[in-house]
Amino acid sequence: MKKKVGILVVLSLLVIPSWSLAHFISEEMDQCMEKDPSTSGQLECMEIALDKWDEELNRVYTILMTNLDTESKEALQESQRRWIKFRDSELTFLGCYYENFSGTMYVPMQAYSELKITKERALKLHGYLNFIEEHLWFQ
């Protein structure tokens, strides 16, 4: 029981800042885009946000891996490998898809579509971590 309480405390310290950071990334991107709404400004802001979402995804993945049993770790590793393949395939598709449209407005649309893939995965992993925290709390 003491071990579970210790794990809960550690997860609480790690998860709560994670969720606020997740919101912070989106808010920071929005503020950045308000400062420079040009196409190049939007692209730069989205590139920064994508890097932050990728860092957050990797950070949460690492925390999850330290809190899962062996079977779950292996399953998450396989899931992440497959997600990376999906992401890469989806990025290829998005590149081909947006080539069919002309106009500068489609460039940031493509960039946001690409960013959203990583953001959604990071938030999905956050959800798993949050569930672990809630599960430990009620035991």
N, C-alpha and C. Protein backbone atom coordinates (compact mmCIF):
# COMPACT_ATOMS: atom_id res chain seq x y z
N MET A 1 0.82 -1.19 0.00
CA MET A 1 0.00 0.00 0.00
C MET A 1 0.87 1.26 0.00
N LYS A 2 1.94 1.24 0.82
CA LYS A 2 2.83 2.40 0.86
C LYS A 2 3.46 2.66 -0.51
N LYS A 3 3.79 1.56 -1.21
CA LYS A 3 4.38 1.70 -2.55
C LYS A 3 3.39 2.38 -3.49
N LYS A 4 2.11 1.98 -3.42
CA LYS A 4 1.10 2.58 -4.29
C LYS A 4 0.91 4.06 -3.98
N VAL A 5 0.92 4.41 -2.69
CA VAL A 5 0.78 5.81 -2.32
C VAL A 5 1.98 6.61 -2.82
N GLY A 6 3.17 6.04 -2.71
CA GLY A 6 4.37 6.71 -3.21
C GLY A 6 4.31 6.93 -4.71
N ILE A 7 3.87 5.91 -5.42
CA ILE A 7 3.72 6.04 -6.88
C ILE A 7 2.69 7.11 -7.20
N LEU A 8 1.58 7.13 -6.45
CA LEU A 8 0.53 8.11 -6.67
C LEU A 8 1.06 9.53 -6.49
N VAL A 9 1.85 9.74 -5.46
CA VAL A 9 2.40 11.07 -5.22
C VAL A 9 3.30 11.49 -6.38
N VAL A 10 4.17 10.59 -6.81
CA VAL A 10 5.07 10.90 -7.93
C VAL A 10 4.27 11.19 -9.19
N LEU A 11 3.29 10.34 -9.49
CA LEU A 11 2.47 10.56 -10.69
C LEU A 11 1.72 11.88 -10.61
N SER A 12 1.20 12.21 -9.43
CA SER A 12 0.48 13.47 -9.28
C SER A 12 1.37 14.65 -9.61
N LEU A 13 2.59 14.59 -9.14
CA LEU A 13 3.53 15.68 -9.42
C LEU A 13 3.89 15.76 -10.90
N LEU A 14 3.87 14.63 -11.57
CA LEU A 14 4.24 14.60 -12.98
C LEU A 14 3.06 14.88 -13.91
N VAL A 15 1.88 14.42 -13.55
CA VAL A 15 0.72 14.54 -14.43
C VAL A 15 0.12 15.94 -14.39
N ILE A 16 -0.05 16.50 -13.22
CA ILE A 16 -0.69 17.80 -13.13
C ILE A 16 0.07 18.85 -13.95
N PRO A 17 1.39 18.95 -13.80
CA PRO A 17 2.08 19.90 -14.67
C PRO A 17 1.98 19.53 -16.14
N SER A 18 1.87 18.25 -16.45
CA SER A 18 1.77 17.82 -17.85
C SER A 18 0.51 18.36 -18.50
N TRP A 19 -0.62 18.25 -17.81
CA TRP A 19 -1.87 18.73 -18.40
C TRP A 19 -1.84 20.24 -18.59
N SER A 20 -1.30 20.97 -17.59
CA SER A 20 -1.23 22.42 -17.77
C SER A 20 -0.24 22.76 -18.88
N LEU A 21 0.84 21.98 -19.00
CA LEU A 21 1.79 22.20 -20.09
C LEU A 21 1.12 21.95 -21.44
N ALA A 22 0.29 20.91 -21.50
CA ALA A 22 -0.40 20.59 -22.76
C ALA A 22 -1.24 21.78 -23.20
N HIS A 23 -1.96 22.36 -22.27
CA HIS A 23 -2.77 23.53 -22.61
C HIS A 23 -1.87 24.72 -22.94
N PHE A 24 -0.77 24.82 -22.22
CA PHE A 24 0.16 25.92 -22.44
C PHE A 24 0.73 25.89 -23.85
N ILE A 25 1.00 24.72 -24.37
CA ILE A 25 1.55 24.61 -25.73
C ILE A 25 0.57 25.21 -26.74
N SER A 26 -0.69 24.85 -26.63
CA SER A 26 -1.70 25.38 -27.56
C SER A 26 -1.89 26.88 -27.37
N GLU A 27 -1.95 27.31 -26.11
CA GLU A 27 -2.12 28.74 -25.85
C GLU A 27 -0.93 29.54 -26.37
N GLU A 28 0.25 29.01 -26.15
CA GLU A 28 1.46 29.68 -26.62
C GLU A 28 1.47 29.79 -28.14
N MET A 29 1.03 28.73 -28.82
CA MET A 29 0.97 28.76 -30.28
C MET A 29 -0.03 29.82 -30.74
N ASP A 30 -1.19 29.87 -30.10
CA ASP A 30 -2.20 30.86 -30.47
C ASP A 30 -1.67 32.29 -30.28
N GLN A 31 -1.00 32.52 -29.16
CA GLN A 31 -0.44 33.85 -28.90
C GLN A 31 0.64 34.20 -29.92
N CYS A 32 1.45 33.23 -30.25
CA CYS A 32 2.50 33.43 -31.26
C CYS A 32 1.88 33.81 -32.60
N MET A 33 0.81 33.12 -32.97
CA MET A 33 0.17 33.38 -34.26
C MET A 33 -0.54 34.73 -34.27
N GLU A 34 -1.01 35.19 -33.11
CA GLU A 34 -1.62 36.52 -33.03
C GLU A 34 -0.58 37.61 -33.27
N LYS A 35 0.64 37.36 -32.80
CA LYS A 35 1.72 38.34 -32.98
C LYS A 35 2.15 38.45 -34.44
N ASP A 36 2.12 37.32 -35.14
CA ASP A 36 2.53 37.32 -36.56
C ASP A 36 1.59 36.41 -37.34
N PRO A 37 0.46 36.97 -37.80
CA PRO A 37 -0.53 36.15 -38.51
C PRO A 37 -0.19 35.85 -39.97
N SER A 38 0.99 36.29 -40.42
CA SER A 38 1.38 35.99 -41.80
C SER A 38 1.54 34.48 -41.96
N THR A 39 1.54 34.03 -43.19
CA THR A 39 1.72 32.60 -43.45
C THR A 39 3.03 32.10 -42.85
N SER A 40 4.11 32.85 -43.07
CA SER A 40 5.40 32.41 -42.53
C SER A 40 5.40 32.45 -41.00
N GLY A 41 4.72 33.44 -40.43
CA GLY A 41 4.61 33.52 -38.97
C GLY A 41 3.83 32.35 -38.40
N GLN A 42 2.72 32.01 -39.05
CA GLN A 42 1.93 30.87 -38.60
C GLN A 42 2.75 29.58 -38.68
N LEU A 43 3.47 29.41 -39.77
CA LEU A 43 4.27 28.20 -39.95
C LEU A 43 5.35 28.09 -38.87
N GLU A 44 5.98 29.21 -38.57
CA GLU A 44 7.02 29.20 -37.53
C GLU A 44 6.41 28.84 -36.17
N CYS A 45 5.26 29.42 -35.86
CA CYS A 45 4.60 29.13 -34.58
C CYS A 45 4.20 27.66 -34.50
N MET A 46 3.69 27.12 -35.59
CA MET A 46 3.28 25.71 -35.59
C MET A 46 4.48 24.78 -35.50
N GLU A 47 5.59 25.18 -36.10
CA GLU A 47 6.81 24.36 -36.01
C GLU A 47 7.31 24.30 -34.57
N ILE A 48 7.27 25.44 -33.89
CA ILE A 48 7.67 25.49 -32.48
C ILE A 48 6.73 24.62 -31.65
N ALA A 49 5.42 24.75 -31.89
CA ALA A 49 4.44 23.96 -31.14
C ALA A 49 4.61 22.47 -31.42
N LEU A 50 4.86 22.11 -32.67
CA LEU A 50 5.08 20.70 -33.00
C LEU A 50 6.27 20.13 -32.23
N ASP A 51 7.35 20.89 -32.17
CA ASP A 51 8.52 20.44 -31.40
C ASP A 51 8.17 20.23 -29.93
N LYS A 52 7.37 21.15 -29.38
CA LYS A 52 6.99 21.04 -27.96
C LYS A 52 6.06 19.85 -27.73
N TRP A 53 5.12 19.62 -28.65
CA TRP A 53 4.23 18.46 -28.52
C TRP A 53 5.03 17.17 -28.62
N ASP A 54 6.02 17.15 -29.51
CA ASP A 54 6.85 15.96 -29.65
C ASP A 54 7.65 15.71 -28.37
N GLU A 55 8.20 16.76 -27.80
CA GLU A 55 8.92 16.63 -26.52
C GLU A 55 7.98 16.12 -25.43
N GLU A 56 6.77 16.67 -25.41
CA GLU A 56 5.80 16.26 -24.39
C GLU A 56 5.39 14.81 -24.58
N LEU A 57 5.17 14.41 -25.80
CA LEU A 57 4.83 13.02 -26.11
C LEU A 57 5.93 12.09 -25.58
N ASN A 58 7.17 12.41 -25.87
CA ASN A 58 8.29 11.57 -25.43
C ASN A 58 8.43 11.57 -23.91
N ARG A 59 8.19 12.70 -23.28
CA ARG A 59 8.27 12.79 -21.83
C ARG A 59 7.22 11.91 -21.16
N VAL A 60 5.99 12.00 -21.64
CA VAL A 60 4.90 11.22 -21.05
C VAL A 60 5.09 9.73 -21.34
N TYR A 61 5.55 9.41 -22.53
CA TYR A 61 5.84 8.02 -22.89
C TYR A 61 6.85 7.43 -21.90
N THR A 62 7.89 8.18 -21.61
CA THR A 62 8.92 7.72 -20.67
C THR A 62 8.34 7.49 -19.28
N ILE A 63 7.50 8.39 -18.82
CA ILE A 63 6.86 8.22 -17.51
C ILE A 63 5.97 6.98 -17.52
N LEU A 64 5.20 6.82 -18.57
CA LEU A 64 4.35 5.62 -18.67
C LEU A 64 5.18 4.35 -18.60
N MET A 65 6.27 4.32 -19.34
CA MET A 65 7.10 3.11 -19.38
C MET A 65 7.67 2.76 -18.01
N THR A 66 7.86 3.74 -17.16
CA THR A 66 8.39 3.45 -15.82
C THR A 66 7.30 3.01 -14.85
N ASN A 67 6.04 3.10 -15.26
CA ASN A 67 4.93 2.77 -14.36
C ASN A 67 4.07 1.61 -14.84
N LEU A 68 4.49 0.93 -15.89
CA LEU A 68 3.72 -0.19 -16.43
C LEU A 68 4.40 -1.52 -16.12
N ASP A 69 3.59 -2.58 -16.07
CA ASP A 69 4.17 -3.91 -15.93
C ASP A 69 4.81 -4.31 -17.26
N THR A 70 5.56 -5.40 -17.24
CA THR A 70 6.33 -5.82 -18.41
C THR A 70 5.46 -6.01 -19.64
N GLU A 71 4.34 -6.70 -19.50
CA GLU A 71 3.46 -6.95 -20.64
C GLU A 71 2.91 -5.64 -21.22
N SER A 72 2.50 -4.74 -20.34
CA SER A 72 1.98 -3.45 -20.80
C SER A 72 3.06 -2.61 -21.47
N LYS A 73 4.28 -2.67 -20.93
CA LYS A 73 5.40 -1.94 -21.55
C LYS A 73 5.63 -2.42 -22.98
N GLU A 74 5.65 -3.74 -23.14
CA GLU A 74 5.87 -4.30 -24.48
C GLU A 74 4.75 -3.89 -25.43
N ALA A 75 3.52 -3.92 -24.92
CA ALA A 75 2.37 -3.53 -25.75
C ALA A 75 2.44 -2.05 -26.13
N LEU A 76 2.83 -1.20 -25.17
CA LEU A 76 2.95 0.23 -25.47
C LEU A 76 4.08 0.48 -26.47
N GLN A 77 5.20 -0.22 -26.31
CA GLN A 77 6.30 -0.07 -27.27
C GLN A 77 5.83 -0.42 -28.68
N GLU A 78 5.11 -1.52 -28.81
CA GLU A 78 4.61 -1.93 -30.13
C GLU A 78 3.60 -0.92 -30.66
N SER A 79 2.73 -0.45 -29.79
CA SER A 79 1.75 0.56 -30.18
C SER A 79 2.45 1.83 -30.66
N GLN A 80 3.49 2.23 -29.96
CA GLN A 80 4.22 3.44 -30.34
C GLN A 80 4.94 3.25 -31.67
N ARG A 81 5.53 2.08 -31.87
CA ARG A 81 6.19 1.80 -33.16
C ARG A 81 5.18 1.89 -34.30
N ARG A 82 4.00 1.30 -34.09
CA ARG A 82 2.97 1.34 -35.13
C ARG A 82 2.42 2.75 -35.33
N TRP A 83 2.32 3.50 -34.23
CA TRP A 83 1.86 4.88 -34.35
C TRP A 83 2.86 5.69 -35.18
N ILE A 84 4.15 5.49 -34.96
CA ILE A 84 5.17 6.21 -35.72
C ILE A 84 5.04 5.88 -37.21
N LYS A 85 4.79 4.61 -37.53
CA LYS A 85 4.58 4.24 -38.94
C LYS A 85 3.33 4.92 -39.49
N PHE A 86 2.26 4.92 -38.69
CA PHE A 86 1.03 5.60 -39.10
C PHE A 86 1.30 7.08 -39.33
N ARG A 87 1.97 7.72 -38.36
CA ARG A 87 2.28 9.15 -38.48
C ARG A 87 3.05 9.43 -39.76
N ASP A 88 4.07 8.65 -40.01
CA ASP A 88 4.88 8.87 -41.21
C ASP A 88 4.05 8.68 -42.48
N SER A 89 3.21 7.67 -42.51
CA SER A 89 2.34 7.45 -43.67
C SER A 89 1.34 8.58 -43.83
N GLU A 90 0.80 9.03 -42.72
CA GLU A 90 -0.17 10.13 -42.75
C GLU A 90 0.49 11.42 -43.23
N LEU A 91 1.72 11.67 -42.80
CA LEU A 91 2.44 12.86 -43.26
C LEU A 91 2.69 12.80 -44.77
N THR A 92 3.01 11.62 -45.27
CA THR A 92 3.19 11.44 -46.72
C THR A 92 1.88 11.74 -47.44
N PHE A 93 0.78 11.18 -46.92
CA PHE A 93 -0.53 11.43 -47.52
C PHE A 93 -0.86 12.92 -47.50
N LEU A 94 -0.67 13.57 -46.35
CA LEU A 94 -1.00 14.99 -46.26
C LEU A 94 -0.20 15.82 -47.26
N GLY A 95 1.06 15.48 -47.45
CA GLY A 95 1.87 16.17 -48.45
C GLY A 95 1.28 16.03 -49.84
N CYS A 96 0.89 14.82 -50.20
CA CYS A 96 0.27 14.57 -51.52
C CYS A 96 -1.08 15.26 -51.63
N TYR A 97 -1.87 15.17 -50.57
CA TYR A 97 -3.22 15.74 -50.56
C TYR A 97 -3.18 17.25 -50.79
N TYR A 98 -2.36 17.94 -49.99
CA TYR A 98 -2.34 19.40 -50.08
C TYR A 98 -1.65 19.91 -51.35
N GLU A 99 -0.90 19.07 -52.04
CA GLU A 99 -0.33 19.47 -53.33
C GLU A 99 -1.42 19.73 -54.36
N ASN A 100 -2.60 19.18 -54.15
CA ASN A 100 -3.71 19.34 -55.08
C ASN A 100 -4.38 20.71 -54.99
N PHE A 101 -4.00 21.51 -54.01
CA PHE A 101 -4.64 22.81 -53.81
C PHE A 101 -3.61 23.91 -53.99
N SER A 102 -4.03 24.99 -54.62
CA SER A 102 -3.12 26.12 -54.79
C SER A 102 -3.60 27.27 -53.90
N GLY A 103 -2.66 28.01 -53.43
CA GLY A 103 -2.96 29.12 -52.54
C GLY A 103 -2.20 28.98 -51.23
N THR A 104 -1.79 30.13 -50.69
CA THR A 104 -0.97 30.09 -49.48
C THR A 104 -1.74 29.62 -48.25
N MET A 105 -3.06 29.71 -48.28
CA MET A 105 -3.82 29.30 -47.09
C MET A 105 -3.69 27.80 -46.82
N TYR A 106 -3.37 27.02 -47.84
CA TYR A 106 -3.29 25.57 -47.66
C TYR A 106 -1.99 25.13 -47.00
N VAL A 107 -0.99 25.98 -47.04
CA VAL A 107 0.29 25.64 -46.41
C VAL A 107 0.13 25.54 -44.89
N PRO A 108 -0.46 26.57 -44.22
CA PRO A 108 -0.67 26.42 -42.78
C PRO A 108 -1.71 25.34 -42.44
N MET A 109 -2.66 25.12 -43.34
CA MET A 109 -3.63 24.04 -43.09
C MET A 109 -2.92 22.69 -43.04
N GLN A 110 -1.98 22.49 -43.94
CA GLN A 110 -1.21 21.25 -43.94
C GLN A 110 -0.36 21.16 -42.67
N ALA A 111 0.30 22.25 -42.32
CA ALA A 111 1.15 22.26 -41.13
C ALA A 111 0.34 21.94 -39.88
N TYR A 112 -0.86 22.52 -39.78
CA TYR A 112 -1.70 22.25 -38.60
C TYR A 112 -2.16 20.80 -38.59
N SER A 113 -2.51 20.27 -39.75
CA SER A 113 -2.91 18.86 -39.83
C SER A 113 -1.78 17.95 -39.36
N GLU A 114 -0.57 18.30 -39.72
CA GLU A 114 0.60 17.52 -39.31
C GLU A 114 0.84 17.65 -37.80
N LEU A 115 0.75 18.86 -37.28
CA LEU A 115 0.93 19.10 -35.85
C LEU A 115 -0.10 18.33 -35.03
N LYS A 116 -1.33 18.33 -35.52
CA LYS A 116 -2.44 17.71 -34.80
C LYS A 116 -2.22 16.21 -34.56
N ILE A 117 -1.54 15.55 -35.45
CA ILE A 117 -1.27 14.11 -35.30
C ILE A 117 -0.45 13.87 -34.03
N THR A 118 0.61 14.63 -33.85
CA THR A 118 1.47 14.47 -32.68
C THR A 118 0.78 14.95 -31.42
N LYS A 119 0.05 16.06 -31.52
CA LYS A 119 -0.68 16.58 -30.36
C LYS A 119 -1.68 15.54 -29.86
N GLU A 120 -2.44 14.94 -30.77
CA GLU A 120 -3.44 13.95 -30.37
C GLU A 120 -2.80 12.73 -29.71
N ARG A 121 -1.65 12.30 -30.20
CA ARG A 121 -0.97 11.15 -29.58
C ARG A 121 -0.47 11.52 -28.19
N ALA A 122 0.08 12.72 -28.05
CA ALA A 122 0.55 13.17 -26.74
C ALA A 122 -0.60 13.21 -25.75
N LEU A 123 -1.74 13.73 -26.18
CA LEU A 123 -2.90 13.80 -25.29
C LEU A 123 -3.45 12.41 -24.97
N LYS A 124 -3.38 11.49 -25.92
CA LYS A 124 -3.80 10.11 -25.68
C LYS A 124 -2.94 9.49 -24.59
N LEU A 125 -1.62 9.67 -24.70
CA LEU A 125 -0.72 9.13 -23.68
C LEU A 125 -0.96 9.80 -22.33
N HIS A 126 -1.26 11.10 -22.34
CA HIS A 126 -1.63 11.80 -21.11
C HIS A 126 -2.84 11.12 -20.47
N GLY A 127 -3.80 10.76 -21.29
CA GLY A 127 -5.00 10.10 -20.78
C GLY A 127 -4.68 8.79 -20.09
N TYR A 128 -3.79 8.00 -20.68
CA TYR A 128 -3.38 6.74 -20.06
C TYR A 128 -2.72 7.00 -18.71
N LEU A 129 -1.85 7.99 -18.67
CA LEU A 129 -1.16 8.31 -17.43
C LEU A 129 -2.13 8.81 -16.38
N ASN A 130 -3.07 9.62 -16.79
CA ASN A 130 -4.09 10.13 -15.88
C ASN A 130 -4.92 8.98 -15.31
N PHE A 131 -5.25 8.01 -16.14
CA PHE A 131 -6.02 6.85 -15.69
C PHE A 131 -5.25 6.07 -14.64
N ILE A 132 -3.95 5.90 -14.84
CA ILE A 132 -3.12 5.21 -13.84
C ILE A 132 -3.20 5.95 -12.52
N GLU A 133 -3.09 7.26 -12.58
CA GLU A 133 -3.16 8.07 -11.36
C GLU A 133 -4.50 7.88 -10.67
N GLU A 134 -5.60 7.95 -11.41
CA GLU A 134 -6.92 7.78 -10.83
C GLU A 134 -7.10 6.37 -10.26
N HIS A 135 -6.61 5.38 -10.97
CA HIS A 135 -6.73 3.99 -10.52
C HIS A 135 -6.00 3.79 -9.20
N LEU A 136 -4.80 4.34 -9.08
CA LEU A 136 -4.03 4.20 -7.85
C LEU A 136 -4.70 4.94 -6.70
N TRP A 137 -5.34 6.05 -7.01
CA TRP A 137 -5.99 6.85 -5.98
C TRP A 137 -7.11 6.06 -5.31
N PHE A 138 -7.86 5.30 -6.08
CA PHE A 138 -9.01 4.59 -5.54
C PHE A 138 -8.68 3.21 -4.98
N GLN A 139 -7.43 2.80 -5.00
CA GLN A 139 -7.07 1.50 -4.45
C GLN A 139 -6.60 1.62 -3.02
